[in-house]
Amino acid sequence: MQIPTVSDKTLGSNIWGAGPTAVLVYTKGPWVAGALANSVWSMGGTSGKAHTHYNNFLTQYFVNYNFGEGQWGH
């Protein structure tokens, strides 16, 4: 869900938006890896030269390695 909270129109959109988000996570031993995908479509807005319609897509991968027991280990 995207909420129109911009303080200036050059910083973002004043139109509500919504869309799906999905995450895939793989873990094996100390390794964690995966990807996040998100798409948000405007709910309303205008079309034409000064349009306010939008479709934002994001994909983000991540990889993490956990070292030993860390600070709190025994």
C-alpha atoms as a PDB file:
ATOM      1  CA  MET A   1       0.000   0.000   0.000  1.00  0.00           C
ATOM      2  CA  GLN A   2       1.325   3.447  -0.871  1.00  0.00           C
ATOM      3  CA  ILE A   3      -0.054   6.349   1.133  1.00  0.00           C
ATOM      4  CA  PRO A   4       0.138   9.892  -0.319  1.00  0.00           C
ATOM      5  CA  THR A   5       2.279  11.616   2.315  1.00  0.00           C
ATOM      6  CA  VAL A   6       4.520  13.808   0.126  1.00  0.00           C
ATOM      7  CA  SER A   7       5.144  17.370   1.281  1.00  0.00           C
ATOM      8  CA  ASP A   8       5.970  18.589  -2.267  1.00  0.00           C
ATOM      9  CA  LYS A   9       4.757  17.214  -5.636  1.00  0.00           C
ATOM     10  CA  THR A  10       8.349  16.998  -6.913  1.00  0.00           C
ATOM     11  CA  LEU A  11       9.111  14.426  -4.176  1.00  0.00           C
ATOM     12  CA  GLY A  12       6.428  11.893  -5.069  1.00  0.00           C
ATOM     13  CA  SER A  13       2.783  11.291  -5.863  1.00  0.00           C
ATOM     14  CA  ASN A  14      -0.330  12.438  -4.030  1.00  0.00           C
ATOM     15  CA  ILE A  15      -2.286   9.431  -5.363  1.00  0.00           C
ATOM     16  CA  TRP A  16      -2.975   6.289  -3.335  1.00  0.00           C
ATOM     17  CA  GLY A  17      -1.503   3.027  -4.637  1.00  0.00           C
ATOM     18  CA  ALA A  18      -1.586  -0.703  -3.934  1.00  0.00           C
ATOM     19  CA  GLY A  19      -0.122  -3.926  -5.247  1.00  0.00           C
ATOM     20  CA  PRO A  20       1.389  -7.311  -4.446  1.00  0.00           C
ATOM     21  CA  THR A  21       4.640  -8.093  -2.645  1.00  0.00           C
ATOM     22  CA  ALA A  22       6.420 -11.443  -2.550  1.00  0.00           C
ATOM     23  CA  VAL A  23       9.606 -12.720  -0.944  1.00  0.00           C
ATOM     24  CA  LEU A  24      11.581 -15.919  -1.486  1.00  0.00           C
ATOM     25  CA  VAL A  25      14.030 -17.008   1.226  1.00  0.00           C
ATOM     26  CA  TYR A  26      16.608 -19.812   1.134  1.00  0.00           C
ATOM     27  CA  THR A  27      18.597 -20.876   4.209  1.00  0.00           C
ATOM     28  CA  LYS A  28      21.343 -23.464   4.498  1.00  0.00           C
ATOM     29  CA  GLY A  29      23.663 -23.509   7.487  1.00  0.00           C
ATOM     30  CA  PRO A  30      24.907 -19.972   8.139  1.00  0.00           C
ATOM     31  CA  TRP A  31      23.705 -18.698   4.716  1.00  0.00           C
ATOM     32  CA  VAL A  32      20.476 -16.812   4.080  1.00  0.00           C
ATOM     33  CA  ALA A  33      19.645 -15.650   0.553  1.00  0.00           C
ATOM     34  CA  GLY A  34      16.578 -14.512  -1.284  1.00  0.00           C
ATOM     35  CA  ALA A  35      14.737 -11.914  -3.284  1.00  0.00           C
ATOM     36  CA  LEU A  36      11.938  -9.426  -2.682  1.00  0.00           C
ATOM     37  CA  ALA A  37       9.592  -8.272  -5.470  1.00  0.00           C
ATOM     38  CA  ASN A  38       7.037  -5.489  -5.137  1.00  0.00           C
ATOM     39  CA  SER A  39       4.734  -3.734  -7.608  1.00  0.00           C
ATOM     40  CA  VAL A  40       2.479  -0.771  -6.810  1.00  0.00           C
ATOM     41  CA  TRP A  41      -0.145   0.663  -9.184  1.00  0.00           C
ATOM     42  CA  SER A  42      -1.877   4.014  -8.691  1.00  0.00           C
ATOM     43  CA  MET A  43      -5.509   3.969  -7.623  1.00  0.00           C
ATOM     44  CA  GLY A  44      -6.858   6.883  -9.607  1.00  0.00           C
ATOM     45  CA  GLY A  45      -5.002   9.838 -11.033  1.00  0.00           C
ATOM     46  CA  THR A  46      -5.016  11.335 -14.497  1.00  0.00           C
ATOM     47  CA  SER A  47      -3.553  10.456 -17.877  1.00  0.00           C
ATOM     48  CA  GLY A  48      -2.168  12.731 -20.569  1.00  0.00           C
ATOM     49  CA  LYS A  49       0.833  15.077 -20.618  1.00  0.00           C
ATOM     50  CA  ALA A  50       0.736  15.927 -16.890  1.00  0.00           C
ATOM     51  CA  HIS A  51      -0.355  12.432 -15.821  1.00  0.00           C
ATOM     52  CA  THR A  52      -0.391  11.215 -12.225  1.00  0.00           C
ATOM     53  CA  HIS A  53      -0.857   7.487 -12.972  1.00  0.00           C
ATOM     54  CA  TYR A  54       2.096   5.332 -11.926  1.00  0.00           C
ATOM     55  CA  ASN A  55       3.305   1.739 -11.812  1.00  0.00           C
ATOM     56  CA  ASN A  56       6.349   1.212  -9.573  1.00  0.00           C
ATOM     57  CA  PHE A  57       8.226  -2.103  -9.607  1.00  0.00           C
ATOM     58  CA  LEU A  58      11.046  -3.092  -7.250  1.00  0.00           C
ATOM     59  CA  THR A  59      13.138  -6.226  -7.054  1.00  0.00           C
ATOM     60  CA  GLN A  60      15.830  -6.585  -4.407  1.00  0.00           C
ATOM     61  CA  TYR A  61      18.093  -9.545  -3.756  1.00  0.00           C
ATOM     62  CA  PHE A  62      19.843 -10.229  -0.454  1.00  0.00           C
ATOM     63  CA  VAL A  63      22.602 -12.516   0.811  1.00  0.00           C
ATOM     64  CA  ASN A  64      23.619 -12.892   4.443  1.00  0.00           C
ATOM     65  CA  TYR A  65      26.267 -15.004   6.176  1.00  0.00           C
ATOM     66  CA  ASN A  66      26.030 -15.510   9.961  1.00  0.00           C
ATOM     67  CA  PHE A  67      29.437 -15.816  11.652  1.00  0.00           C
ATOM     68  CA  GLY A  68      29.663 -18.352  14.510  1.00  0.00           C
ATOM     69  CA  GLU A  69      27.888 -17.680  17.754  1.00  0.00           C
ATOM     70  CA  GLY A  70      28.453 -13.956  17.649  1.00  0.00           C
ATOM     71  CA  GLN A  71      28.589 -11.675  20.666  1.00  0.00           C
ATOM     72  CA  TRP A  72      25.940 -13.563  22.674  1.00  0.00           C
ATOM     73  CA  GLY A  73      27.361 -17.085  22.197  1.00  0.00           C
ATOM     74  CA  HIS A  74      28.572 -19.354  25.006  1.00  0.00           C
END
